[in-house]
Structures are given as C-alpha cells and as structure tokens.
Amino acid sequence: MKKDIHPEYVQSVVTCACGQTFETKATRSEVHTDICSVCHPFYTGKQRLVDTAGRVERFKRKYDQKPG
C-alpha cells in the first residue's frame, strides 16, 4: 500500500433527522443522515412517505397536470 494517501479513520457520531444517534468509525468525526434503522419503513413496518427537499410535491406538480 502507498503511504500517506489514505484518510484518517476516526470514531464518528452519526445523527439522524429523527434524533437517533450512534457511534461508528468513519473518515469524518460527525455524520448527519435523513433516515436510519430506527425510522426507516423497512425496519419499523410502518408506511411512511420520506420526502427529501420537496421531491414528492415536485413530481406531483409535474405529472398531475391534465392535458388540455
């Protein structure tokens, strides 16, 4: 392996938008996510619409228009 080309691997705190936090190893000391295993529909079994930056509304505006 080449020397001095790999980033430093440090203890990291991951924070989800739902408020859940946990520790892992990463190249950054802090990581922020929109969804985690505590709030993800696959793990919770609850149907939840995950909307990032208004994408659902933008899609509906674009494709709900009736020709006429």
C-alpha atoms as a PDB file:
ATOM      1  CA  MET A   1       0.000   0.000   0.000  1.00  0.00           C
ATOM      2  CA  LYS A   2       1.123   3.520  -0.698  1.00  0.00           C
ATOM      3  CA  LYS A   3       1.883   5.682   2.298  1.00  0.00           C
ATOM      4  CA  ASP A   4       0.138   8.973   3.108  1.00  0.00           C
ATOM      5  CA  ILE A   5      -2.745   8.619   0.628  1.00  0.00           C
ATOM      6  CA  HIS A   6      -5.424   7.149   2.909  1.00  0.00           C
ATOM      7  CA  PRO A   7      -7.693   9.369   5.042  1.00  0.00           C
ATOM      8  CA  GLU A   8      -7.616   9.102   8.811  1.00  0.00           C
ATOM      9  CA  TYR A   9     -10.203   6.607  10.150  1.00  0.00           C
ATOM     10  CA  VAL A  10     -11.693   8.011  13.391  1.00  0.00           C
ATOM     11  CA  GLN A  11     -14.513   7.371  15.855  1.00  0.00           C
ATOM     12  CA  SER A  12     -17.635   9.066  14.426  1.00  0.00           C
ATOM     13  CA  VAL A  13     -21.035  10.118  15.781  1.00  0.00           C
ATOM     14  CA  VAL A  14     -23.943   9.587  13.355  1.00  0.00           C
ATOM     15  CA  THR A  15     -27.032  11.771  13.902  1.00  0.00           C
ATOM     16  CA  CYS A  16     -30.333  11.078  12.141  1.00  0.00           C
ATOM     17  CA  ALA A  17     -33.065  13.634  11.417  1.00  0.00           C
ATOM     18  CA  CYS A  18     -35.343  11.708  13.821  1.00  0.00           C
ATOM     19  CA  GLY A  19     -32.928  12.395  16.697  1.00  0.00           C
ATOM     20  CA  GLN A  20     -31.315   8.958  16.968  1.00  0.00           C
ATOM     21  CA  THR A  21     -27.520   8.962  17.437  1.00  0.00           C
ATOM     22  CA  PHE A  22     -24.961   6.172  17.409  1.00  0.00           C
ATOM     23  CA  GLU A  23     -21.208   5.760  17.099  1.00  0.00           C
ATOM     24  CA  THR A  24     -19.211   4.082  14.349  1.00  0.00           C
ATOM     25  CA  LYS A  25     -15.925   4.533  12.518  1.00  0.00           C
ATOM     26  CA  ALA A  26     -15.637   6.867   9.525  1.00  0.00           C
ATOM     27  CA  THR A  27     -13.374   9.396   7.883  1.00  0.00           C
ATOM     28  CA  ARG A  28     -15.383  12.262   9.453  1.00  0.00           C
ATOM     29  CA  SER A  29     -15.994  12.898  13.125  1.00  0.00           C
ATOM     30  CA  GLU A  30     -19.696  13.754  12.579  1.00  0.00           C
ATOM     31  CA  VAL A  31     -22.155  12.356  10.027  1.00  0.00           C
ATOM     32  CA  HIS A  32     -25.761  13.576   9.567  1.00  0.00           C
ATOM     33  CA  THR A  33     -28.392  11.387   7.839  1.00  0.00           C
ATOM     34  CA  ASP A  34     -32.027  11.845   6.842  1.00  0.00           C
ATOM     35  CA  ILE A  35     -33.131   8.316   7.734  1.00  0.00           C
ATOM     36  CA  CYS A  36     -31.798   5.478   9.904  1.00  0.00           C
ATOM     37  CA  SER A  37     -32.778   1.975  11.008  1.00  0.00           C
ATOM     38  CA  VAL A  38     -34.949   3.416  13.812  1.00  0.00           C
ATOM     39  CA  CYS A  39     -37.182   5.453  11.485  1.00  0.00           C
ATOM     40  CA  HIS A  40     -36.856   3.582   8.145  1.00  0.00           C
ATOM     41  CA  PRO A  41     -40.144   1.955   6.999  1.00  0.00           C
ATOM     42  CA  PHE A  42     -38.430  -1.361   6.214  1.00  0.00           C
ATOM     43  CA  TYR A  43     -37.345  -1.791   9.830  1.00  0.00           C
ATOM     44  CA  THR A  44     -40.367  -0.208  11.537  1.00  0.00           C
ATOM     45  CA  GLY A  45     -43.055  -1.892   9.427  1.00  0.00           C
ATOM     46  CA  LYS A  46     -44.939   1.400   9.147  1.00  0.00           C
ATOM     47  CA  GLN A  47     -45.623   3.037   5.825  1.00  0.00           C
ATOM     48  CA  ARG A  48     -44.083   6.482   5.816  1.00  0.00           C
ATOM     49  CA  LEU A  49     -43.513   8.826   2.942  1.00  0.00           C
ATOM     50  CA  VAL A  50     -39.930  10.034   3.022  1.00  0.00           C
ATOM     51  CA  ASP A  51     -39.749  13.361   1.240  1.00  0.00           C
ATOM     52  CA  THR A  52     -36.373  14.934   0.670  1.00  0.00           C
ATOM     53  CA  ALA A  53     -36.366  18.581  -0.380  1.00  0.00           C
ATOM     54  CA  GLY A  54     -39.940  18.541  -1.748  1.00  0.00           C
ATOM     55  CA  ARG A  55     -39.334  15.903  -4.411  1.00  0.00           C
ATOM     56  CA  VAL A  56     -42.771  14.344  -3.993  1.00  0.00           C
ATOM     57  CA  GLU A  57     -44.556  17.661  -4.456  1.00  0.00           C
ATOM     58  CA  ARG A  58     -42.378  18.499  -7.440  1.00  0.00           C
ATOM     59  CA  PHE A  59     -43.206  15.116  -9.020  1.00  0.00           C
ATOM     60  CA  LYS A  60     -46.929  15.596  -8.408  1.00  0.00           C
ATOM     61  CA  ARG A  61     -46.890  19.092  -9.892  1.00  0.00           C
ATOM     62  CA  LYS A  62     -45.074  17.838 -12.951  1.00  0.00           C
ATOM     63  CA  TYR A  63     -47.160  14.738 -13.667  1.00  0.00           C
ATOM     64  CA  ASP A  64     -50.598  15.574 -12.211  1.00  0.00           C
ATOM     65  CA  GLN A  65     -51.256  18.203 -14.841  1.00  0.00           C
ATOM     66  CA  LYS A  66     -54.027  17.163 -17.209  1.00  0.00           C
ATOM     67  CA  PRO A  67     -53.576  17.889 -20.928  1.00  0.00           C
ATOM     68  CA  GLY A  68     -55.970  20.480 -22.176  1.00  0.00           C
END
